[in-house]
Amino acid sequence: MELVKKQKPELLSKITKNLGFAMGIEFREGSLVINSKNQQRLKKGMVFSINVGFSDLPNKDGKKPEEKTYAIFIGDTVLVDE
């Protein structure tokens, strides 16, 4: 967030509200969402879906209403090993 705030502050309102979540018995463990409010410690063997995205970005080349905005999202699955 600090990088976005420093380099592209206009994107702050468009960034995803969290940076991922822990995966467990449930695909998405609601108590282990990665955001500024979560104070849980990571433990060896935990699996996380780490992701970031931006939505409602303007597309200057869009002709039709549905082409005038776009979103981008990237993520990966990681295992805590230490």
PDB file of N, CA and C in Angstrom:
ATOM      1  N   MET A   1       0.811  -1.187   0.000  1.00  0.00           N
ATOM      2  CA  MET A   1       0.000   0.000   0.000  1.00  0.00           C
ATOM      3  C   MET A   1       0.862   1.262   0.000  1.00  0.00           C
ATOM      4  N   GLU A   2       1.936   1.221   0.753  1.00  0.00           N
ATOM      5  CA  GLU A   2       2.803   2.402   0.818  1.00  0.00           C
ATOM      6  C   GLU A   2       3.409   2.710  -0.545  1.00  0.00           C
ATOM      7  N   LEU A   3       3.757   1.671  -1.292  1.00  0.00           N
ATOM      8  CA  LEU A   3       4.325   1.875  -2.625  1.00  0.00           C
ATOM      9  C   LEU A   3       3.301   2.536  -3.547  1.00  0.00           C
ATOM     10  N   VAL A   4       2.071   2.047  -3.515  1.00  0.00           N
ATOM     11  CA  VAL A   4       1.009   2.643  -4.333  1.00  0.00           C
ATOM     12  C   VAL A   4       0.766   4.081  -3.894  1.00  0.00           C
ATOM     13  N   LYS A   5       0.703   4.299  -2.587  1.00  0.00           N
ATOM     14  CA  LYS A   5       0.469   5.644  -2.051  1.00  0.00           C
ATOM     15  C   LYS A   5       1.558   6.614  -2.510  1.00  0.00           C
ATOM     16  N   LYS A   6       2.793   6.130  -2.547  1.00  0.00           N
ATOM     17  CA  LYS A   6       3.925   6.984  -2.909  1.00  0.00           C
ATOM     18  C   LYS A   6       4.014   7.220  -4.420  1.00  0.00           C
ATOM     19  N   GLN A   7       3.861   6.141  -5.203  1.00  0.00           N
ATOM     20  CA  GLN A   7       4.107   6.256  -6.640  1.00  0.00           C
ATOM     21  C   GLN A   7       2.870   6.549  -7.482  1.00  0.00           C
ATOM     22  N   LYS A   8       1.712   6.041  -7.062  1.00  0.00           N
ATOM     23  CA  LYS A   8       0.477   6.222  -7.841  1.00  0.00           C
ATOM     24  C   LYS A   8      -0.710   6.433  -6.903  1.00  0.00           C
ATOM     25  N   PRO A   9      -0.739   7.526  -6.165  1.00  0.00           N
ATOM     26  CA  PRO A   9      -1.798   7.734  -5.169  1.00  0.00           C
ATOM     27  C   PRO A   9      -3.212   7.704  -5.753  1.00  0.00           C
ATOM     28  N   GLU A  10      -3.358   7.992  -7.034  1.00  0.00           N
ATOM     29  CA  GLU A  10      -4.683   7.964  -7.660  1.00  0.00           C
ATOM     30  C   GLU A  10      -5.250   6.543  -7.743  1.00  0.00           C
ATOM     31  N   LEU A  11      -4.411   5.532  -7.539  1.00  0.00           N
ATOM     32  CA  LEU A  11      -4.873   4.143  -7.587  1.00  0.00           C
ATOM     33  C   LEU A  11      -5.325   3.602  -6.229  1.00  0.00           C
ATOM     34  N   LEU A  12      -5.113   4.335  -5.171  1.00  0.00           N
ATOM     35  CA  LEU A  12      -5.471   3.845  -3.830  1.00  0.00           C
ATOM     36  C   LEU A  12      -6.936   3.439  -3.717  1.00  0.00           C
ATOM     37  N   SER A  13      -7.822   4.186  -4.315  1.00  0.00           N
ATOM     38  CA  SER A  13      -9.253   3.873  -4.220  1.00  0.00           C
ATOM     39  C   SER A  13      -9.644   2.688  -5.097  1.00  0.00           C
ATOM     40  N   LYS A  14      -8.745   2.235  -5.945  1.00  0.00           N
ATOM     41  CA  LYS A  14      -9.050   1.166  -6.889  1.00  0.00           C
ATOM     42  C   LYS A  14      -8.406  -0.177  -6.531  1.00  0.00           C
ATOM     43  N   ILE A  15      -7.565  -0.198  -5.505  1.00  0.00           N
ATOM     44  CA  ILE A  15      -6.859  -1.417  -5.121  1.00  0.00           C
ATOM     45  C   ILE A  15      -7.792  -2.347  -4.334  1.00  0.00           C
ATOM     46  N   THR A  16      -7.544  -3.648  -4.420  1.00  0.00           N
ATOM     47  CA  THR A  16      -8.356  -4.607  -3.673  1.00  0.00           C
ATOM     48  C   THR A  16      -8.264  -4.327  -2.176  1.00  0.00           C
ATOM     49  N   LYS A  17      -9.303  -4.692  -1.450  1.00  0.00           N
ATOM     50  CA  LYS A  17      -9.396  -4.375  -0.019  1.00  0.00           C
ATOM     51  C   LYS A  17      -8.505  -5.263   0.848  1.00  0.00           C
ATOM     52  N   ASN A  18      -8.066  -6.401   0.322  1.00  0.00           N
ATOM     53  CA  ASN A  18      -7.134  -7.256   1.066  1.00  0.00           C
ATOM     54  C   ASN A  18      -6.103  -7.815   0.099  1.00  0.00           C
ATOM     55  N   LEU A  19      -5.086  -8.459   0.646  1.00  0.00           N
ATOM     56  CA  LEU A  19      -3.995  -8.994  -0.181  1.00  0.00           C
ATOM     57  C   LEU A  19      -3.985 -10.511  -0.212  1.00  0.00           C
ATOM     58  N   GLY A  20      -5.117 -11.118   0.107  1.00  0.00           N
ATOM     59  CA  GLY A  20      -5.217 -12.564   0.037  1.00  0.00           C
ATOM     60  C   GLY A  20      -5.821 -13.153   1.288  1.00  0.00           C
ATOM     61  N   PHE A  21      -5.625 -14.469   1.434  1.00  0.00           N
ATOM     62  CA  PHE A  21      -6.247 -15.185   2.538  1.00  0.00           C
ATOM     63  C   PHE A  21      -5.566 -16.529   2.733  1.00  0.00           C
ATOM     64  N   ALA A  22      -5.757 -17.092   3.925  1.00  0.00           N
ATOM     65  CA  ALA A  22      -5.251 -18.436   4.206  1.00  0.00           C
ATOM     66  C   ALA A  22      -6.219 -19.452   3.617  1.00  0.00           C
ATOM     67  N   MET A  23      -5.669 -20.571   3.191  1.00  0.00           N
ATOM     68  CA  MET A  23      -6.483 -21.661   2.663  1.00  0.00           C
ATOM     69  C   MET A  23      -6.380 -22.817   3.645  1.00  0.00           C
ATOM     70  N   GLY A  24      -7.507 -23.427   3.934  1.00  0.00           N
ATOM     71  CA  GLY A  24      -7.507 -24.521   4.903  1.00  0.00           C
ATOM     72  C   GLY A  24      -8.628 -25.488   4.609  1.00  0.00           C
ATOM     73  N   ILE A  25      -9.338 -25.886   5.664  1.00  0.00           N
ATOM     74  CA  ILE A  25     -10.479 -26.781   5.480  1.00  0.00           C
ATOM     75  C   ILE A  25     -11.474 -26.115   4.541  1.00  0.00           C
ATOM     76  N   GLU A  26     -11.697 -24.838   4.776  1.00  0.00           N
ATOM     77  CA  GLU A  26     -12.482 -24.028   3.840  1.00  0.00           C
ATOM     78  C   GLU A  26     -11.496 -23.442   2.834  1.00  0.00           C
ATOM     79  N   PHE A  27     -11.942 -23.252   1.594  1.00  0.00           N
ATOM     80  CA  PHE A  27     -11.045 -22.664   0.593  1.00  0.00           C
ATOM     81  C   PHE A  27     -10.513 -21.327   1.078  1.00  0.00           C
ATOM     82  N   ARG A  28     -11.401 -20.508   1.638  1.00  0.00           N
ATOM     83  CA  ARG A  28     -11.017 -19.173   2.108  1.00  0.00           C
ATOM     84  C   ARG A  28     -11.334 -19.081   3.591  1.00  0.00           C
ATOM     85  N   GLU A  29     -10.305 -19.071   4.401  1.00  0.00           N
ATOM     86  CA  GLU A  29     -10.483 -18.956   5.848  1.00  0.00           C
ATOM     87  C   GLU A  29     -10.757 -17.491   6.191  1.00  0.00           C
ATOM     88  N   GLY A  30     -11.999 -17.175   6.496  1.00  0.00           N
ATOM     89  CA  GLY A  30     -12.419 -15.802   6.741  1.00  0.00           C
ATOM     90  C   GLY A  30     -11.669 -15.111   7.866  1.00  0.00           C
ATOM     91  N   SER A  31     -11.230 -15.873   8.861  1.00  0.00           N
ATOM     92  CA  SER A  31     -10.512 -15.258   9.987  1.00  0.00           C
ATOM     93  C   SER A  31      -9.056 -14.969   9.645  1.00  0.00           C
ATOM     94  N   LEU A  32      -8.600 -15.434   8.489  1.00  0.00           N
ATOM     95  CA  LEU A  32      -7.203 -15.236   8.104  1.00  0.00           C
ATOM     96  C   LEU A  32      -7.065 -14.483   6.782  1.00  0.00           C
ATOM     97  N   VAL A  33      -7.906 -13.493   6.603  1.00  0.00           N
ATOM     98  CA  VAL A  33      -7.786 -12.603   5.445  1.00  0.00           C
ATOM     99  C   VAL A  33      -6.602 -11.673   5.699  1.00  0.00           C
ATOM    100  N   ILE A  34      -5.791 -11.438   4.679  1.00  0.00           N
ATOM    101  CA  ILE A  34      -4.602 -10.592   4.831  1.00  0.00           C
ATOM    102  C   ILE A  34      -4.999  -9.136   4.587  1.00  0.00           C
ATOM    103  N   ASN A  35      -5.080  -8.392   5.679  1.00  0.00           N
ATOM    104  CA  ASN A  35      -5.376  -6.958   5.604  1.00  0.00           C
ATOM    105  C   ASN A  35      -4.775  -6.271   6.825  1.00  0.00           C
ATOM    106  N   SER A  36      -4.940  -4.982   6.911  1.00  0.00           N
ATOM    107  CA  SER A  36      -4.305  -4.217   7.993  1.00  0.00           C
ATOM    108  C   SER A  36      -4.884  -4.534   9.368  1.00  0.00           C
ATOM    109  N   LYS A  37      -6.067  -5.127   9.435  1.00  0.00           N
ATOM    110  CA  LYS A  37      -6.703  -5.438  10.720  1.00  0.00           C
ATOM    111  C   LYS A  37      -6.271  -6.784  11.289  1.00  0.00           C
ATOM    112  N   ASN A  38      -5.761  -7.666  10.461  1.00  0.00           N
ATOM    113  CA  ASN A  38      -5.419  -9.018  10.898  1.00  0.00           C
ATOM    114  C   ASN A  38      -4.057  -9.038  11.593  1.00  0.00           C
ATOM    115  N   GLN A  39      -4.022  -9.553  12.806  1.00  0.00           N
ATOM    116  CA  GLN A  39      -2.783  -9.615  13.591  1.00  0.00           C
ATOM    117  C   GLN A  39      -2.309 -11.057  13.813  1.00  0.00           C
ATOM    118  N   GLN A  40      -2.877 -12.025  13.094  1.00  0.00           N
ATOM    119  CA  GLN A  40      -2.501 -13.428  13.243  1.00  0.00           C
ATOM    120  C   GLN A  40      -1.049 -13.645  12.816  1.00  0.00           C
ATOM    121  N   ARG A  41      -0.378 -14.549  13.502  1.00  0.00           N
ATOM    122  CA  ARG A  41       0.998 -14.912  13.125  1.00  0.00           C
ATOM    123  C   ARG A  41       0.967 -16.095  12.164  1.00  0.00           C
ATOM    124  N   LEU A  42       1.882 -16.057  11.218  1.00  0.00           N
ATOM    125  CA  LEU A  42       1.997 -17.168  10.278  1.00  0.00           C
ATOM    126  C   LEU A  42       2.708 -18.324  10.951  1.00  0.00           C
ATOM    127  N   LYS A  43       2.334 -19.544  10.543  1.00  0.00           N
ATOM    128  CA  LYS A  43       2.981 -20.741  11.074  1.00  0.00           C
ATOM    129  C   LYS A  43       3.408 -21.631   9.915  1.00  0.00           C
ATOM    130  N   LYS A  44       4.457 -22.381  10.154  1.00  0.00           N
ATOM    131  CA  LYS A  44       4.953 -23.315   9.148  1.00  0.00           C
ATOM    132  C   LYS A  44       3.821 -24.251   8.732  1.00  0.00           C
ATOM    133  N   GLY A  45       3.705 -24.454   7.428  1.00  0.00           N
ATOM    134  CA  GLY A  45       2.685 -25.340   6.887  1.00  0.00           C
ATOM    135  C   GLY A  45       1.412 -24.633   6.435  1.00  0.00           C
ATOM    136  N   MET A  46       1.265 -23.377   6.796  1.00  0.00           N
ATOM    137  CA  MET A  46       0.082 -22.637   6.353  1.00  0.00           C
ATOM    138  C   MET A  46       0.191 -22.344   4.854  1.00  0.00           C
ATOM    139  N   VAL A  47      -0.954 -22.325   4.183  1.00  0.00           N
ATOM    140  CA  VAL A  47      -1.011 -22.045   2.749  1.00  0.00           C
ATOM    141  C   VAL A  47      -1.853 -20.788   2.546  1.00  0.00           C
ATOM    142  N   PHE A  48      -1.340 -19.896   1.715  1.00  0.00           N
ATOM    143  CA  PHE A  48      -2.027 -18.637   1.455  1.00  0.00           C
ATOM    144  C   PHE A  48      -2.210 -18.409  -0.035  1.00  0.00           C
ATOM    145  N   SER A  49      -3.302 -17.785  -0.374  1.00  0.00           N
ATOM    146  CA  SER A  49      -3.504 -17.224  -1.701  1.00  0.00           C
ATOM    147  C   SER A  49      -3.148 -15.747  -1.564  1.00  0.00           C
ATOM    148  N   ILE A  50      -2.068 -15.326  -2.206  1.00  0.00           N
ATOM    149  CA  ILE A  50      -1.597 -13.944  -2.144  1.00  0.00           C
ATOM    150  C   ILE A  50      -1.980 -13.277  -3.461  1.00  0.00           C
ATOM    151  N   ASN A  51      -2.665 -12.144  -3.387  1.00  0.00           N
ATOM    152  CA  ASN A  51      -3.105 -11.501  -4.618  1.00  0.00           C
ATOM    153  C   ASN A  51      -3.296 -10.004  -4.428  1.00  0.00           C
ATOM    154  N   VAL A  52      -3.292  -9.325  -5.545  1.00  0.00           N
ATOM    155  CA  VAL A  52      -3.537  -7.884  -5.558  1.00  0.00           C
ATOM    156  C   VAL A  52      -4.225  -7.548  -6.879  1.00  0.00           C
ATOM    157  N   GLY A  53      -5.060  -6.564  -6.830  1.00  0.00           N
ATOM    158  CA  GLY A  53      -5.759  -6.173  -8.043  1.00  0.00           C
ATOM    159  C   GLY A  53      -6.209  -4.732  -7.994  1.00  0.00           C
ATOM    160  N   PHE A  54      -6.577  -4.243  -9.158  1.00  0.00           N
ATOM    161  CA  PHE A  54      -7.111  -2.894  -9.307  1.00  0.00           C
ATOM    162  C   PHE A  54      -8.356  -3.002 -10.178  1.00  0.00           C
ATOM    163  N   SER A  55      -9.384  -2.251  -9.839  1.00  0.00           N
ATOM    164  CA  SER A  55     -10.612  -2.286 -10.633  1.00  0.00           C
ATOM    165  C   SER A  55     -11.022  -0.877 -11.037  1.00  0.00           C
ATOM    166  N   ASP A  56     -11.926  -0.838 -11.994  1.00  0.00           N
ATOM    167  CA  ASP A  56     -12.474   0.438 -12.457  1.00  0.00           C
ATOM    168  C   ASP A  56     -11.398   1.358 -13.035  1.00  0.00           C
ATOM    169  N   LEU A  57     -10.418   0.773 -13.714  1.00  0.00           N
ATOM    170  CA  LEU A  57      -9.354   1.561 -14.342  1.00  0.00           C
ATOM    171  C   LEU A  57      -9.845   2.084 -15.692  1.00  0.00           C
ATOM    172  N   PRO A  58      -9.542   3.319 -16.052  1.00  0.00           N
ATOM    173  CA  PRO A  58     -10.031   3.875 -17.319  1.00  0.00           C
ATOM    174  C   PRO A  58      -9.272   3.318 -18.526  1.00  0.00           C
ATOM    175  N   ASN A  59     -10.017   2.990 -19.564  1.00  0.00           N
ATOM    176  CA  ASN A  59      -9.445   2.536 -20.828  1.00  0.00           C
ATOM    177  C   ASN A  59      -9.729   3.614 -21.875  1.00  0.00           C
ATOM    178  N   LYS A  60      -8.734   4.399 -22.199  1.00  0.00           N
ATOM    179  CA  LYS A  60      -8.901   5.522 -23.133  1.00  0.00           C
ATOM    180  C   LYS A  60      -9.320   5.062 -24.527  1.00  0.00           C
ATOM    181  N   ASP A  61      -8.977   3.818 -24.883  1.00  0.00           N
ATOM    182  CA  ASP A  61      -9.282   3.318 -26.221  1.00  0.00           C
ATOM    183  C   ASP A  61     -10.653   2.660 -26.315  1.00  0.00           C
ATOM    184  N   GLY A  62     -11.371   2.543 -25.208  1.00  0.00           N
ATOM    185  CA  GLY A  62     -12.677   1.884 -25.213  1.00  0.00           C
ATOM    186  C   GLY A  62     -13.713   2.671 -25.994  1.00  0.00           C
ATOM    187  N   LYS A  63     -14.420   1.980 -26.866  1.00  0.00           N
ATOM    188  CA  LYS A  63     -15.457   2.621 -27.686  1.00  0.00           C
ATOM    189  C   LYS A  63     -16.845   2.427 -27.058  1.00  0.00           C
ATOM    190  N   LYS A  64     -17.141   1.195 -26.654  1.00  0.00           N
ATOM    191  CA  LYS A  64     -18.431   0.867 -26.047  1.00  0.00           C
ATOM    192  C   LYS A  64     -18.351   1.123 -24.545  1.00  0.00           C
ATOM    193  N   PRO A  65     -19.498   1.362 -23.904  1.00  0.00           N
ATOM    194  CA  PRO A  65     -19.485   1.621 -22.448  1.00  0.00           C
ATOM    195  C   PRO A  65     -18.760   0.535 -21.644  1.00  0.00           C
ATOM    196  N   GLU A  66     -18.970  -0.725 -22.009  1.00  0.00           N
ATOM    197  CA  GLU A  66     -18.330  -1.820 -21.268  1.00  0.00           C
ATOM    198  C   GLU A  66     -16.822  -1.912 -21.513  1.00  0.00           C
ATOM    199  N   GLU A  67     -16.319  -1.206 -22.511  1.00  0.00           N
ATOM    200  CA  GLU A  67     -14.885  -1.196 -22.806  1.00  0.00           C
ATOM    201  C   GLU A  67     -14.159  -0.002 -22.182  1.00  0.00           C
ATOM    202  N   LYS A  68     -14.886   0.894 -21.567  1.00  0.00           N
ATOM    203  CA  LYS A  68     -14.287   2.131 -21.051  1.00  0.00           C
ATOM    204  C   LYS A  68     -13.556   1.948 -19.723  1.00  0.00           C
ATOM    205  N   THR A  69     -13.786   0.830 -19.040  1.00  0.00           N
ATOM    206  CA  THR A  69     -13.048   0.525 -17.809  1.00  0.00           C
ATOM    207  C   THR A  69     -12.600  -0.930 -17.843  1.00  0.00           C
ATOM    208  N   TYR A  70     -11.579  -1.234 -17.050  1.00  0.00           N
ATOM    209  CA  TYR A  70     -11.089  -2.601 -16.951  1.00  0.00           C
ATOM    210  C   TYR A  70     -10.534  -2.837 -15.552  1.00  0.00           C
ATOM    211  N   ALA A  71     -10.242  -4.097 -15.272  1.00  0.00           N
ATOM    212  CA  ALA A  71      -9.648  -4.483 -13.988  1.00  0.00           C
ATOM    213  C   ALA A  71      -8.467  -5.399 -14.268  1.00  0.00           C
ATOM    214  N   ILE A  72      -7.549  -5.441 -13.325  1.00  0.00           N
ATOM    215  CA  ILE A  72      -6.398  -6.342 -13.425  1.00  0.00           C
ATOM    216  C   ILE A  72      -6.191  -6.985 -12.058  1.00  0.00           C
ATOM    217  N   PHE A  73      -5.892  -8.286 -12.067  1.00  0.00           N
ATOM    218  CA  PHE A  73      -5.772  -9.041 -10.823  1.00  0.00           C
ATOM    219  C   PHE A  73      -4.683 -10.089 -11.016  1.00  0.00           C
ATOM    220  N   ILE A  74      -3.780 -10.193 -10.058  1.00  0.00           N
ATOM    221  CA  ILE A  74      -2.715 -11.190 -10.135  1.00  0.00           C
ATOM    222  C   ILE A  74      -2.581 -11.860  -8.774  1.00  0.00           C
ATOM    223  N   GLY A  75      -2.319 -13.149  -8.797  1.00  0.00           N
ATOM    224  CA  GLY A  75      -2.192 -13.859  -7.528  1.00  0.00           C
ATOM    225  C   GLY A  75      -1.377 -15.131  -7.668  1.00  0.00           C
ATOM    226  N   ASP A  76      -1.033 -15.696  -6.524  1.00  0.00           N
ATOM    227  CA  ASP A  76      -0.279 -16.942  -6.484  1.00  0.00           C
ATOM    228  C   ASP A  76      -0.565 -17.630  -5.156  1.00  0.00           C
ATOM    229  N   THR A  77      -0.294 -18.903  -5.097  1.00  0.00           N
ATOM    230  CA  THR A  77      -0.452 -19.674  -3.868  1.00  0.00           C
ATOM    231  C   THR A  77       0.927 -19.910  -3.275  1.00  0.00           C
ATOM    232  N   VAL A  78       1.060 -19.661  -1.969  1.00  0.00           N
ATOM    233  CA  VAL A  78       2.355 -19.835  -1.311  1.00  0.00           C
ATOM    234  C   VAL A  78       2.198 -20.693  -0.058  1.00  0.00           C
ATOM    235  N   LEU A  79       3.259 -21.423   0.258  1.00  0.00           N
ATOM    236  CA  LEU A  79       3.337 -22.263   1.447  1.00  0.00           C
ATOM    237  C   LEU A  79       4.352 -21.653   2.394  1.00  0.00           C
ATOM    238  N   VAL A  80       3.962 -21.464   3.662  1.00  0.00           N
ATOM    239  CA  VAL A  80       4.899 -20.961   4.669  1.00  0.00           C
ATOM    240  C   VAL A  80       5.792 -22.134   5.050  1.00  0.00           C
ATOM    241  N   ASP A  81       7.096 -21.987   4.827  1.00  0.00           N
ATOM    242  CA  ASP A  81       8.026 -23.100   5.005  1.00  0.00           C
ATOM    243  C   ASP A  81       8.942 -22.919   6.208  1.00  0.00           C
ATOM    244  N   GLU A  82       8.969 -21.769   6.816  1.00  0.00           N
ATOM    245  CA  GLU A  82       9.841 -21.554   7.973  1.00  0.00           C
ATOM    246  C   GLU A  82       9.085 -20.880   9.084  1.00  0.00           C
TER     247      GLU A  82
END
